[in-house]
Amino acid sequence: MGIELNEPALRQARSLVRDGKVVRDDRDAWSEAAPTADEENAFIERDGWTAYSHWHLGKDPDEDPRTKQAYSFPYGDFRRVHRAGVISGESRAGQYDHLEIRDALRALLELIDADSS
């Protein structure tokens, strides 16, 4: 089936942006801001797989939902949306023809940028 848009994650991302929980960083900052494997593991241990899934706009229904392989296109650091993560994800989604995810990330970026003006 392939990777599809994770609607609960998109709702959470929009809500976080509306609540001002955004880091307005540049694209290149994502490599430093993205959670490490240890941070991901700690988050999963503390908050569970469903909460973890809500930080990823892509999900693969063919993968076990209790594995990291099931989720892709992270957009934040488990507290805030990172503009850099949104930009990075939009680019990757377009590159690999995940057009629905690309478009959702583009709309999220527009929401972030409109909120900052």
PDB file of N, CA and C in Angstrom:
ATOM      1  N   MET A   1       0.830  -1.200   0.000  1.00  0.00           N
ATOM      2  CA  MET A   1       0.000   0.000   0.000  1.00  0.00           C
ATOM      3  C   MET A   1       0.870   1.258   0.000  1.00  0.00           C
ATOM      4  N   GLY A   2       1.879   1.308   0.841  1.00  0.00           N
ATOM      5  CA  GLY A   2       2.765   2.462   0.862  1.00  0.00           C
ATOM      6  C   GLY A   2       2.437   3.461   1.949  1.00  0.00           C
ATOM      7  N   ILE A   3       3.243   4.476   2.003  1.00  0.00           N
ATOM      8  CA  ILE A   3       3.118   5.500   3.042  1.00  0.00           C
ATOM      9  C   ILE A   3       1.919   6.399   2.744  1.00  0.00           C
ATOM     10  N   GLU A   4       1.158   6.680   3.788  1.00  0.00           N
ATOM     11  CA  GLU A   4      -0.007   7.557   3.642  1.00  0.00           C
ATOM     12  C   GLU A   4       0.044   8.673   4.686  1.00  0.00           C
ATOM     13  N   LEU A   5      -0.770   9.679   4.460  1.00  0.00           N
ATOM     14  CA  LEU A   5      -0.842  10.816   5.376  1.00  0.00           C
ATOM     15  C   LEU A   5      -1.425  10.374   6.705  1.00  0.00           C
ATOM     16  N   ASN A   6      -0.763  10.762   7.780  1.00  0.00           N
ATOM     17  CA  ASN A   6      -1.203  10.461   9.141  1.00  0.00           C
ATOM     18  C   ASN A   6      -2.054  11.638   9.622  1.00  0.00           C
ATOM     19  N   GLU A   7      -3.354  11.510   9.475  1.00  0.00           N
ATOM     20  CA  GLU A   7      -4.283  12.611   9.780  1.00  0.00           C
ATOM     21  C   GLU A   7      -4.220  13.078  11.234  1.00  0.00           C
ATOM     22  N   PRO A   8      -4.158  12.170  12.225  1.00  0.00           N
ATOM     23  CA  PRO A   8      -4.047  12.655  13.608  1.00  0.00           C
ATOM     24  C   PRO A   8      -2.781  13.497  13.831  1.00  0.00           C
ATOM     25  N   ALA A   9      -1.701  13.135  13.171  1.00  0.00           N
ATOM     26  CA  ALA A   9      -0.459  13.910  13.295  1.00  0.00           C
ATOM     27  C   ALA A   9      -0.633  15.292  12.676  1.00  0.00           C
ATOM     28  N   LEU A  10      -1.320  15.364  11.552  1.00  0.00           N
ATOM     29  CA  LEU A  10      -1.554  16.654  10.911  1.00  0.00           C
ATOM     30  C   LEU A  10      -2.424  17.541  11.801  1.00  0.00           C
ATOM     31  N   ARG A  11      -3.453  16.976  12.417  1.00  0.00           N
ATOM     32  CA  ARG A  11      -4.293  17.758  13.334  1.00  0.00           C
ATOM     33  C   ARG A  11      -3.469  18.281  14.513  1.00  0.00           C
ATOM     34  N   GLN A  12      -2.605  17.422  15.059  1.00  0.00           N
ATOM     35  CA  GLN A  12      -1.769  17.856  16.176  1.00  0.00           C
ATOM     36  C   GLN A  12      -0.825  18.969  15.742  1.00  0.00           C
ATOM     37  N   ALA A  13      -0.204  18.828  14.579  1.00  0.00           N
ATOM     38  CA  ALA A  13       0.734  19.846  14.095  1.00  0.00           C
ATOM     39  C   ALA A  13       0.034  21.194  13.924  1.00  0.00           C
ATOM     40  N   ARG A  14      -1.142  21.178  13.317  1.00  0.00           N
ATOM     41  CA  ARG A  14      -1.901  22.430  13.135  1.00  0.00           C
ATOM     42  C   ARG A  14      -2.234  23.064  14.485  1.00  0.00           C
ATOM     43  N   SER A  15      -2.656  22.242  15.422  1.00  0.00           N
ATOM     44  CA  SER A  15      -3.001  22.740  16.749  1.00  0.00           C
ATOM     45  C   SER A  15      -1.784  23.363  17.441  1.00  0.00           C
ATOM     46  N   LEU A  16      -0.646  22.712  17.338  1.00  0.00           N
ATOM     47  CA  LEU A  16       0.577  23.249  17.941  1.00  0.00           C
ATOM     48  C   LEU A  16       0.943  24.602  17.324  1.00  0.00           C
ATOM     49  N   VAL A  17       0.814  24.705  16.010  1.00  0.00           N
ATOM     50  CA  VAL A  17       1.121  25.978  15.345  1.00  0.00           C
ATOM     51  C   VAL A  17       0.161  27.057  15.831  1.00  0.00           C
ATOM     52  N   ARG A  18      -1.124  26.743  15.883  1.00  0.00           N
ATOM     53  CA  ARG A  18      -2.113  27.727  16.356  1.00  0.00           C
ATOM     54  C   ARG A  18      -1.835  28.151  17.800  1.00  0.00           C
ATOM     55  N   ASP A  19      -1.285  27.230  18.600  1.00  0.00           N
ATOM     56  CA  ASP A  19      -0.955  27.539  19.998  1.00  0.00           C
ATOM     57  C   ASP A  19       0.400  28.215  20.156  1.00  0.00           C
ATOM     58  N   GLY A  20       1.075  28.476  19.035  1.00  0.00           N
ATOM     59  CA  GLY A  20       2.364  29.162  19.084  1.00  0.00           C
ATOM     60  C   GLY A  20       3.534  28.271  19.474  1.00  0.00           C
ATOM     61  N   LYS A  21       3.350  26.977  19.439  1.00  0.00           N
ATOM     62  CA  LYS A  21       4.427  26.048  19.800  1.00  0.00           C
ATOM     63  C   LYS A  21       5.219  25.691  18.546  1.00  0.00           C
ATOM     64  N   VAL A  22       5.981  26.698  18.083  1.00  0.00           N
ATOM     65  CA  VAL A  22       6.718  26.599  16.826  1.00  0.00           C
ATOM     66  C   VAL A  22       8.118  27.157  17.010  1.00  0.00           C
ATOM     67  N   VAL A  23       9.079  26.490  16.394  1.00  0.00           N
ATOM     68  CA  VAL A  23      10.430  27.026  16.289  1.00  0.00           C
ATOM     69  C   VAL A  23      10.587  27.454  14.834  1.00  0.00           C
ATOM     70  N   ARG A  24      10.807  28.732  14.626  1.00  0.00           N
ATOM     71  CA  ARG A  24      10.908  29.267  13.258  1.00  0.00           C
ATOM     72  C   ARG A  24      12.371  29.247  12.811  1.00  0.00           C
ATOM     73  N   ASP A  25      12.865  28.043  12.604  1.00  0.00           N
ATOM     74  CA  ASP A  25      14.255  27.873  12.206  1.00  0.00           C
ATOM     75  C   ASP A  25      14.359  27.680  10.692  1.00  0.00           C
ATOM     76  N   ASP A  26      15.574  27.734  10.188  1.00  0.00           N
ATOM     77  CA  ASP A  26      15.831  27.534   8.764  1.00  0.00           C
ATOM     78  C   ASP A  26      16.027  26.055   8.478  1.00  0.00           C
ATOM     79  N   ARG A  27      15.848  25.693   7.229  1.00  0.00           N
ATOM     80  CA  ARG A  27      15.911  24.292   6.803  1.00  0.00           C
ATOM     81  C   ARG A  27      17.144  23.563   7.330  1.00  0.00           C
ATOM     82  N   ASP A  28      18.291  24.186   7.263  1.00  0.00           N
ATOM     83  CA  ASP A  28      19.536  23.532   7.651  1.00  0.00           C
ATOM     84  C   ASP A  28      19.579  23.195   9.141  1.00  0.00           C
ATOM     85  N   ALA A  29      18.722  23.780   9.942  1.00  0.00           N
ATOM     86  CA  ALA A  29      18.726  23.544  11.381  1.00  0.00           C
ATOM     87  C   ALA A  29      18.115  22.194  11.759  1.00  0.00           C
ATOM     88  N   TRP A  30      17.409  21.548  10.853  1.00  0.00           N
ATOM     89  CA  TRP A  30      16.710  20.318  11.201  1.00  0.00           C
ATOM     90  C   TRP A  30      17.662  19.191  11.600  1.00  0.00           C
ATOM     91  N   SER A  31      18.817  19.121  10.984  1.00  0.00           N
ATOM     92  CA  SER A  31      19.743  18.042  11.345  1.00  0.00           C
ATOM     93  C   SER A  31      20.159  18.136  12.815  1.00  0.00           C
ATOM     94  N   GLU A  32      20.193  19.335  13.350  1.00  0.00           N
ATOM     95  CA  GLU A  32      20.520  19.516  14.770  1.00  0.00           C
ATOM     96  C   GLU A  32      19.293  19.415  15.672  1.00  0.00           C
ATOM     97  N   ALA A  33      18.140  19.805  15.169  1.00  0.00           N
ATOM     98  CA  ALA A  33      16.929  19.856  15.993  1.00  0.00           C
ATOM     99  C   ALA A  33      16.166  18.535  16.038  1.00  0.00           C
ATOM    100  N   ALA A  34      16.315  17.715  15.018  1.00  0.00           N
ATOM    101  CA  ALA A  34      15.578  16.452  14.962  1.00  0.00           C
ATOM    102  C   ALA A  34      15.934  15.575  16.161  1.00  0.00           C
ATOM    103  N   PRO A  35      14.947  14.926  16.748  1.00  0.00           N
ATOM    104  CA  PRO A  35      15.227  14.055  17.892  1.00  0.00           C
ATOM    105  C   PRO A  35      16.207  12.938  17.531  1.00  0.00           C
ATOM    106  N   THR A  36      17.071  12.614  18.463  1.00  0.00           N
ATOM    107  CA  THR A  36      18.005  11.501  18.283  1.00  0.00           C
ATOM    108  C   THR A  36      17.263  10.186  18.552  1.00  0.00           C
ATOM    109  N   ALA A  37      17.890   9.090  18.205  1.00  0.00           N
ATOM    110  CA  ALA A  37      17.293   7.781  18.479  1.00  0.00           C
ATOM    111  C   ALA A  37      17.041   7.600  19.978  1.00  0.00           C
ATOM    112  N   ASP A  38      17.974   8.053  20.800  1.00  0.00           N
ATOM    113  CA  ASP A  38      17.792   7.946  22.254  1.00  0.00           C
ATOM    114  C   ASP A  38      16.616   8.800  22.728  1.00  0.00           C
ATOM    115  N   GLU A  39      16.470   9.990  22.175  1.00  0.00           N
ATOM    116  CA  GLU A  39      15.333  10.847  22.542  1.00  0.00           C
ATOM    117  C   GLU A  39      14.012  10.221  22.092  1.00  0.00           C
ATOM    118  N   GLU A  40      14.017   9.628  20.899  1.00  0.00           N
ATOM    119  CA  GLU A  40      12.815   8.939  20.430  1.00  0.00           C
ATOM    120  C   GLU A  40      12.449   7.786  21.363  1.00  0.00           C
ATOM    121  N   ASN A  41      13.445   6.984  21.721  1.00  0.00           N
ATOM    122  CA  ASN A  41      13.195   5.839  22.608  1.00  0.00           C
ATOM    123  C   ASN A  41      12.654   6.284  23.961  1.00  0.00           C
ATOM    124  N   ALA A  42      13.223   7.339  24.506  1.00  0.00           N
ATOM    125  CA  ALA A  42      12.754   7.861  25.798  1.00  0.00           C
ATOM    126  C   ALA A  42      11.310   8.356  25.684  1.00  0.00           C
ATOM    127  N   PHE A  43      10.992   9.024  24.582  1.00  0.00           N
ATOM    128  CA  PHE A  43       9.628   9.518  24.372  1.00  0.00           C
ATOM    129  C   PHE A  43       8.649   8.350  24.281  1.00  0.00           C
ATOM    130  N   ILE A  44       9.002   7.335  23.509  1.00  0.00           N
ATOM    131  CA  ILE A  44       8.131   6.166  23.360  1.00  0.00           C
ATOM    132  C   ILE A  44       7.920   5.489  24.713  1.00  0.00           C
ATOM    133  N   GLU A  45       8.989   5.340  25.465  1.00  0.00           N
ATOM    134  CA  GLU A  45       8.904   4.706  26.785  1.00  0.00           C
ATOM    135  C   GLU A  45       7.972   5.492  27.714  1.00  0.00           C
ATOM    136  N   ARG A  46       8.062   6.815  27.651  1.00  0.00           N
ATOM    137  CA  ARG A  46       7.288   7.684  28.539  1.00  0.00           C
ATOM    138  C   ARG A  46       5.839   7.859  28.067  1.00  0.00           C
ATOM    139  N   ASP A  47       5.658   8.092  26.744  1.00  0.00           N
ATOM    140  CA  ASP A  47       4.350   8.508  26.238  1.00  0.00           C
ATOM    141  C   ASP A  47       3.649   7.494  25.333  1.00  0.00           C
ATOM    142  N   GLY A  48       4.372   6.495  24.853  1.00  0.00           N
ATOM    143  CA  GLY A  48       3.761   5.436  24.055  1.00  0.00           C
ATOM    144  C   GLY A  48       3.812   5.657  22.552  1.00  0.00           C
ATOM    145  N   TRP A  49       3.422   4.598  21.853  1.00  0.00           N
ATOM    146  CA  TRP A  49       3.497   4.594  20.392  1.00  0.00           C
ATOM    147  C   TRP A  49       2.501   5.540  19.732  1.00  0.00           C
ATOM    148  N   THR A  50       1.320   5.672  20.289  1.00  0.00           N
ATOM    149  CA  THR A  50       0.335   6.564  19.669  1.00  0.00           C
ATOM    150  C   THR A  50       0.835   8.004  19.701  1.00  0.00           C
ATOM    151  N   ALA A  51       1.352   8.441  20.833  1.00  0.00           N
ATOM    152  CA  ALA A  51       1.904   9.796  20.930  1.00  0.00           C
ATOM    153  C   ALA A  51       3.071   9.964  19.970  1.00  0.00           C
ATOM    154  N   TYR A  52       3.916   8.950  19.879  1.00  0.00           N
ATOM    155  CA  TYR A  52       5.050   8.996  18.937  1.00  0.00           C
ATOM    156  C   TYR A  52       4.544   9.154  17.501  1.00  0.00           C
ATOM    157  N   SER A  53       3.518   8.399  17.153  1.00  0.00           N
ATOM    158  CA  SER A  53       2.990   8.457  15.782  1.00  0.00           C
ATOM    159  C   SER A  53       2.480   9.847  15.434  1.00  0.00           C
ATOM    160  N   HIS A  54       1.985  10.579  16.425  1.00  0.00           N
ATOM    161  CA  HIS A  54       1.426  11.904  16.175  1.00  0.00           C
ATOM    162  C   HIS A  54       2.482  12.946  15.842  1.00  0.00           C
ATOM    163  N   TRP A  55       3.747  12.585  15.917  1.00  0.00           N
ATOM    164  CA  TRP A  55       4.833  13.490  15.545  1.00  0.00           C
ATOM    165  C   TRP A  55       5.403  13.170  14.160  1.00  0.00           C
ATOM    166  N   HIS A  56       4.660  12.356  13.389  1.00  0.00           N
ATOM    167  CA  HIS A  56       5.108  11.944  12.056  1.00  0.00           C
ATOM    168  C   HIS A  56       3.932  12.041  11.086  1.00  0.00           C
ATOM    169  N   LEU A  57       4.121  12.771   9.987  1.00  0.00           N
ATOM    170  CA  LEU A  57       3.022  12.943   9.037  1.00  0.00           C
ATOM    171  C   LEU A  57       2.863  11.776   8.080  1.00  0.00           C
ATOM    172  N   GLY A  58       3.828  10.858   8.062  1.00  0.00           N
ATOM    173  CA  GLY A  58       3.707   9.672   7.227  1.00  0.00           C
ATOM    174  C   GLY A  58       3.554   8.436   8.081  1.00  0.00           C
ATOM    175  N   LYS A  59       2.694   7.521   7.622  1.00  0.00           N
ATOM    176  CA  LYS A  59       2.577   6.228   8.289  1.00  0.00           C
ATOM    177  C   LYS A  59       2.442   5.148   7.219  1.00  0.00           C
ATOM    178  N   ASP A  60       3.026   4.015   7.508  1.00  0.00           N
ATOM    179  CA  ASP A  60       2.982   2.884   6.590  1.00  0.00           C
ATOM    180  C   ASP A  60       2.094   1.814   7.209  1.00  0.00           C
ATOM    181  N   PRO A  61       0.888   1.628   6.687  1.00  0.00           N
ATOM    182  CA  PRO A  61      -0.041   0.668   7.277  1.00  0.00           C
ATOM    183  C   PRO A  61       0.431  -0.777   7.153  1.00  0.00           C
ATOM    184  N   ASP A  62       1.424  -1.035   6.333  1.00  0.00           N
ATOM    185  CA  ASP A  62       1.953  -2.382   6.179  1.00  0.00           C
ATOM    186  C   ASP A  62       2.988  -2.729   7.246  1.00  0.00           C
ATOM    187  N   GLU A  63       3.414  -1.730   8.021  1.00  0.00           N
ATOM    188  CA  GLU A  63       4.406  -1.945   9.079  1.00  0.00           C
ATOM    189  C   GLU A  63       3.711  -2.081  10.433  1.00  0.00           C
ATOM    190  N   ASP A  64       4.372  -2.740  11.345  1.00  0.00           N
ATOM    191  CA  ASP A  64       3.876  -2.880  12.715  1.00  0.00           C
ATOM    192  C   ASP A  64       3.823  -1.492  13.351  1.00  0.00           C
ATOM    193  N   PRO A  65       2.664  -1.049  13.861  1.00  0.00           N
ATOM    194  CA  PRO A  65       2.562   0.297  14.432  1.00  0.00           C
ATOM    195  C   PRO A  65       3.354   0.483  15.722  1.00  0.00           C
ATOM    196  N   ARG A  66       3.954  -0.567  16.220  1.00  0.00           N
ATOM    197  CA  ARG A  66       4.801  -0.470  17.415  1.00  0.00           C
ATOM    198  C   ARG A  66       6.275  -0.542  17.023  1.00  0.00           C
ATOM    199  N   THR A  67       6.570  -0.033  15.810  1.00  0.00           N
ATOM    200  CA  THR A  67       7.957   0.072  15.354  1.00  0.00           C
ATOM    201  C   THR A  67       8.169   1.435  14.720  1.00  0.00           C
ATOM    202  N   LYS A  68       9.374   1.913  14.790  1.00  0.00           N
ATOM    203  CA  LYS A  68       9.690   3.206  14.186  1.00  0.00           C
ATOM    204  C   LYS A  68       9.559   3.166  12.664  1.00  0.00           C
ATOM    205  N   GLN A  69       9.724   1.977  12.073  1.00  0.00           N
ATOM    206  CA  GLN A  69       9.625   1.846  10.616  1.00  0.00           C
ATOM    207  C   GLN A  69       8.240   2.220  10.094  1.00  0.00           C
ATOM    208  N   ALA A  70       7.252   2.214  10.958  1.00  0.00           N
ATOM    209  CA  ALA A  70       5.885   2.532  10.537  1.00  0.00           C
ATOM    210  C   ALA A  70       5.679   4.026  10.306  1.00  0.00           C
ATOM    211  N   TYR A  71       6.614   4.860  10.769  1.00  0.00           N
ATOM    212  CA  TYR A  71       6.394   6.306  10.765  1.00  0.00           C
ATOM    213  C   TYR A  71       7.513   7.046  10.047  1.00  0.00           C
ATOM    214  N   SER A  72       7.114   8.096   9.340  1.00  0.00           N
ATOM    215  CA  SER A  72       8.084   8.909   8.595  1.00  0.00           C
ATOM    216  C   SER A  72       7.612  10.361   8.558  1.00  0.00           C
ATOM    217  N   PHE A  73       8.456  11.204   8.085  1.00  0.00           N
ATOM    218  CA  PHE A  73       8.193  12.630   7.968  1.00  0.00           C
ATOM    219  C   PHE A  73       7.912  13.296   9.321  1.00  0.00           C
ATOM    220  N   PRO A  74       8.898  13.219  10.220  1.00  0.00           N
ATOM    221  CA  PRO A  74       8.757  13.923  11.502  1.00  0.00           C
ATOM    222  C   PRO A  74       8.767  15.429  11.283  1.00  0.00           C
ATOM    223  N   TYR A  75       8.090  16.140  12.155  1.00  0.00           N
ATOM    224  CA  TYR A  75       7.995  17.596  11.984  1.00  0.00           C
ATOM    225  C   TYR A  75       8.352  18.373  13.243  1.00  0.00           C
ATOM    226  N   GLY A  76       8.730  17.696  14.300  1.00  0.00           N
ATOM    227  CA  GLY A  76       9.018  18.423  15.532  1.00  0.00           C
ATOM    228  C   GLY A  76       9.877  17.640  16.499  1.00  0.00           C
ATOM    229  N   ASP A  77      10.058  18.219  17.673  1.00  0.00           N
ATOM    230  CA  ASP A  77      10.975  17.672  18.677  1.00  0.00           C
ATOM    231  C   ASP A  77      10.249  17.092  19.888  1.00  0.00           C
ATOM    232  N   PHE A  78       8.985  16.711  19.732  1.00  0.00           N
ATOM    233  CA  PHE A  78       8.119  16.165  20.777  1.00  0.00           C
ATOM    234  C   PHE A  78       7.610  17.235  21.736  1.00  0.00           C
ATOM    235  N   ARG A  79       7.868  18.494  21.432  1.00  0.00           N
ATOM    236  CA  ARG A  79       7.298  19.611  22.198  1.00  0.00           C
ATOM    237  C   ARG A  79       6.765  20.687  21.265  1.00  0.00           C
ATOM    238  N   ARG A  80       7.506  20.943  20.180  1.00  0.00           N
ATOM    239  CA  ARG A  80       7.168  22.033  19.264  1.00  0.00           C
ATOM    240  C   ARG A  80       7.361  21.593  17.813  1.00  0.00           C
ATOM    241  N   VAL A  81       6.634  22.265  16.938  1.00  0.00           N
ATOM    242  CA  VAL A  81       6.818  22.096  15.496  1.00  0.00           C
ATOM    243  C   VAL A  81       8.070  22.875  15.106  1.00  0.00           C
ATOM    244  N   HIS A  82       8.900  22.284  14.285  1.00  0.00           N
ATOM    245  CA  HIS A  82      10.075  22.985  13.768  1.00  0.00           C
ATOM    246  C   HIS A  82       9.850  23.299  12.298  1.00  0.00           C
ATOM    247  N   ARG A  83       9.922  24.569  11.970  1.00  0.00           N
ATOM    248  CA  ARG A  83       9.783  24.989  10.576  1.00  0.00           C
ATOM    249  C   ARG A  83      10.772  24.222   9.704  1.00  0.00           C
ATOM    250  N   ALA A  84      11.986  24.010  10.218  1.00  0.00           N
ATOM    251  CA  ALA A  84      13.018  23.288   9.472  1.00  0.00           C
ATOM    252  C   ALA A  84      12.582  21.855   9.170  1.00  0.00           C
ATOM    253  N   GLY A  85      11.934  21.208  10.120  1.00  0.00           N
ATOM    254  CA  GLY A  85      11.452  19.854   9.900  1.00  0.00           C
ATOM    255  C   GLY A  85      10.355  19.796   8.858  1.00  0.00           C
ATOM    256  N   VAL A  86       9.484  20.797   8.871  1.00  0.00           N
ATOM    257  CA  VAL A  86       8.408  20.877   7.886  1.00  0.00           C
ATOM    258  C   VAL A  86       8.990  21.065   6.489  1.00  0.00           C
ATOM    259  N   ILE A  87       9.947  21.961   6.352  1.00  0.00           N
ATOM    260  CA  ILE A  87      10.574  22.208   5.045  1.00  0.00           C
ATOM    261  C   ILE A  87      11.294  20.959   4.548  1.00  0.00           C
ATOM    262  N   SER A  88      12.054  20.333   5.434  1.00  0.00           N
ATOM    263  CA  SER A  88      12.785  19.123   5.069  1.00  0.00           C
ATOM    264  C   SER A  88      11.825  18.013   4.631  1.00  0.00           C
ATOM    265  N   GLY A  89      10.764  17.824   5.392  1.00  0.00           N
ATOM    266  CA  GLY A  89       9.790  16.803   5.049  1.00  0.00           C
ATOM    267  C   GLY A  89       9.075  17.079   3.744  1.00  0.00           C
ATOM    268  N   GLU A  90       8.742  18.332   3.509  1.00  0.00           N
ATOM    269  CA  GLU A  90       8.069  18.690   2.246  1.00  0.00           C
ATOM    270  C   GLU A  90       8.947  18.339   1.059  1.00  0.00           C
ATOM    271  N   SER A  91      10.213  18.661   1.156  1.00  0.00           N
ATOM    272  CA  SER A  91      11.152  18.366   0.078  1.00  0.00           C
ATOM    273  C   SER A  91      11.272  16.856  -0.153  1.00  0.00           C
ATOM    274  N   ARG A  92      11.440  16.103   0.920  1.00  0.00           N
ATOM    275  CA  ARG A  92      11.569  14.644   0.800  1.00  0.00           C
ATOM    276  C   ARG A  92      10.293  14.003   0.272  1.00  0.00           C
ATOM    277  N   ALA A  93       9.148  14.466   0.749  1.00  0.00           N
ATOM    278  CA  ALA A  93       7.880  13.898   0.292  1.00  0.00           C
ATOM    279  C   ALA A  93       7.703  14.123  -1.212  1.00  0.00           C
ATOM    280  N   GLY A  94       8.052  15.313  -1.679  1.00  0.00           N
ATOM    281  CA  GLY A  94       7.967  15.590  -3.110  1.00  0.00           C
ATOM    282  C   GLY A  94       8.940  14.745  -3.908  1.00  0.00           C
ATOM    283  N   GLN A  95      10.126  14.583  -3.379  1.00  0.00           N
ATOM    284  CA  GLN A  95      11.167  13.801  -4.054  1.00  0.00           C
ATOM    285  C   GLN A  95      10.735  12.345  -4.251  1.00  0.00           C
ATOM    286  N   TYR A  96      10.003  11.799  -3.297  1.00  0.00           N
ATOM    287  CA  TYR A  96       9.589  10.398  -3.360  1.00  0.00           C
ATOM    288  C   TYR A  96       8.119  10.210  -3.734  1.00  0.00           C
ATOM    289  N   ASP A  97       7.511  11.264  -4.302  1.00  0.00           N
ATOM    290  CA  ASP A  97       6.137  11.221  -4.823  1.00  0.00           C
ATOM    291  C   ASP A  97       5.068  10.886  -3.781  1.00  0.00           C
ATOM    292  N   HIS A  98       5.279  11.340  -2.569  1.00  0.00           N
ATOM    293  CA  HIS A  98       4.236  11.259  -1.545  1.00  0.00           C
ATOM    294  C   HIS A  98       3.510  12.604  -1.562  1.00  0.00           C
ATOM    295  N   LEU A  99       2.700  12.785  -2.594  1.00  0.00           N
ATOM    296  CA  LEU A  99       2.152  14.108  -2.894  1.00  0.00           C
ATOM    297  C   LEU A  99       1.177  14.611  -1.841  1.00  0.00           C
ATOM    298  N   GLU A 100       0.375  13.729  -1.264  1.00  0.00           N
ATOM    299  CA  GLU A 100      -0.568  14.158  -0.234  1.00  0.00           C
ATOM    300  C   GLU A 100       0.193  14.668   1.000  1.00  0.00           C
ATOM    301  N   ILE A 101       1.256  13.984   1.357  1.00  0.00           N
ATOM    302  CA  ILE A 101       2.078  14.407   2.489  1.00  0.00           C
ATOM    303  C   ILE A 101       2.805  15.697   2.150  1.00  0.00           C
ATOM    304  N   ARG A 102       3.345  15.779   0.950  1.00  0.00           N
ATOM    305  CA  ARG A 102       4.006  17.012   0.515  1.00  0.00           C
ATOM    306  C   ARG A 102       3.061  18.201   0.612  1.00  0.00           C
ATOM    307  N   ASP A 103       1.850  18.034   0.117  1.00  0.00           N
ATOM    308  CA  ASP A 103       0.884  19.133   0.125  1.00  0.00           C
ATOM    309  C   ASP A 103       0.472  19.512   1.554  1.00  0.00           C
ATOM    310  N   ALA A 104       0.341  18.516   2.424  1.00  0.00           N
ATOM    311  CA  ALA A 104      -0.001  18.795   3.827  1.00  0.00           C
ATOM    312  C   ALA A 104       1.129  19.569   4.497  1.00  0.00           C
ATOM    313  N   LEU A 105       2.356  19.198   4.215  1.00  0.00           N
ATOM    314  CA  LEU A 105       3.504  19.906   4.797  1.00  0.00           C
ATOM    315  C   LEU A 105       3.603  21.318   4.238  1.00  0.00           C
ATOM    316  N   ARG A 106       3.321  21.486   2.967  1.00  0.00           N
ATOM    317  CA  ARG A 106       3.332  22.825   2.366  1.00  0.00           C
ATOM    318  C   ARG A 106       2.289  23.717   3.034  1.00  0.00           C
ATOM    319  N   ALA A 107       1.092  23.177   3.246  1.00  0.00           N
ATOM    320  CA  ALA A 107       0.035  23.946   3.903  1.00  0.00           C
ATOM    321  C   ALA A 107       0.418  24.266   5.354  1.00  0.00           C
ATOM    322  N   LEU A 108       1.089  23.332   6.031  1.00  0.00           N
ATOM    323  CA  LEU A 108       1.549  23.567   7.394  1.00  0.00           C
ATOM    324  C   LEU A 108       2.600  24.676   7.411  1.00  0.00           C
ATOM    325  N   LEU A 109       3.491  24.657   6.449  1.00  0.00           N
ATOM    326  CA  LEU A 109       4.508  25.720   6.345  1.00  0.00           C
ATOM    327  C   LEU A 109       3.846  27.068   6.112  1.00  0.00           C
ATOM    328  N   GLU A 110       2.826  27.112   5.267  1.00  0.00           N
ATOM    329  CA  GLU A 110       2.109  28.368   5.033  1.00  0.00           C
ATOM    330  C   GLU A 110       1.439  28.849   6.305  1.00  0.00           C
ATOM    331  N   LEU A 111       0.905  27.940   7.097  1.00  0.00           N
ATOM    332  CA  LEU A 111       0.286  28.294   8.378  1.00  0.00           C
ATOM    333  C   LEU A 111       1.330  28.870   9.333  1.00  0.00           C
ATOM    334  N   ILE A 112       2.488  28.250   9.378  1.00  0.00           N
ATOM    335  CA  ILE A 112       3.581  28.742  10.228  1.00  0.00           C
ATOM    336  C   ILE A 112       4.000  30.137   9.800  1.00  0.00           C
ATOM    337  N   ASP A 113       4.201  30.306   8.498  1.00  0.00           N
ATOM    338  CA  ASP A 113       4.678  31.591   7.993  1.00  0.00           C
ATOM    339  C   ASP A 113       3.621  32.688   8.118  1.00  0.00           C
ATOM    340  N   ALA A 114       2.357  32.344   7.942  1.00  0.00           N
ATOM    341  CA  ALA A 114       1.295  33.337   8.103  1.00  0.00           C
ATOM    342  C   ALA A 114       1.157  33.761   9.550  1.00  0.00           C
ATOM    343  N   ASP A 115       1.380  32.829  10.438  1.00  0.00           N
ATOM    344  CA  ASP A 115       1.271  33.111  11.878  1.00  0.00           C
ATOM    345  C   ASP A 115       2.404  34.005  12.370  1.00  0.00           C
ATOM    346  N   SER A 116       3.513  34.005  11.643  1.00  0.00           N
ATOM    347  CA  SER A 116       4.651  34.804  12.086  1.00  0.00           C
ATOM    348  C   SER A 116       4.625  36.237  11.556  1.00  0.00           C
ATOM    349  N   SER A 117       3.689  36.520  10.643  1.00  0.00           N
ATOM    350  CA  SER A 117       3.658  37.891  10.108  1.00  0.00           C
ATOM    351  C   SER A 117       2.769  38.809  10.892  1.00  0.00           C
TER     352      SER A 117
END
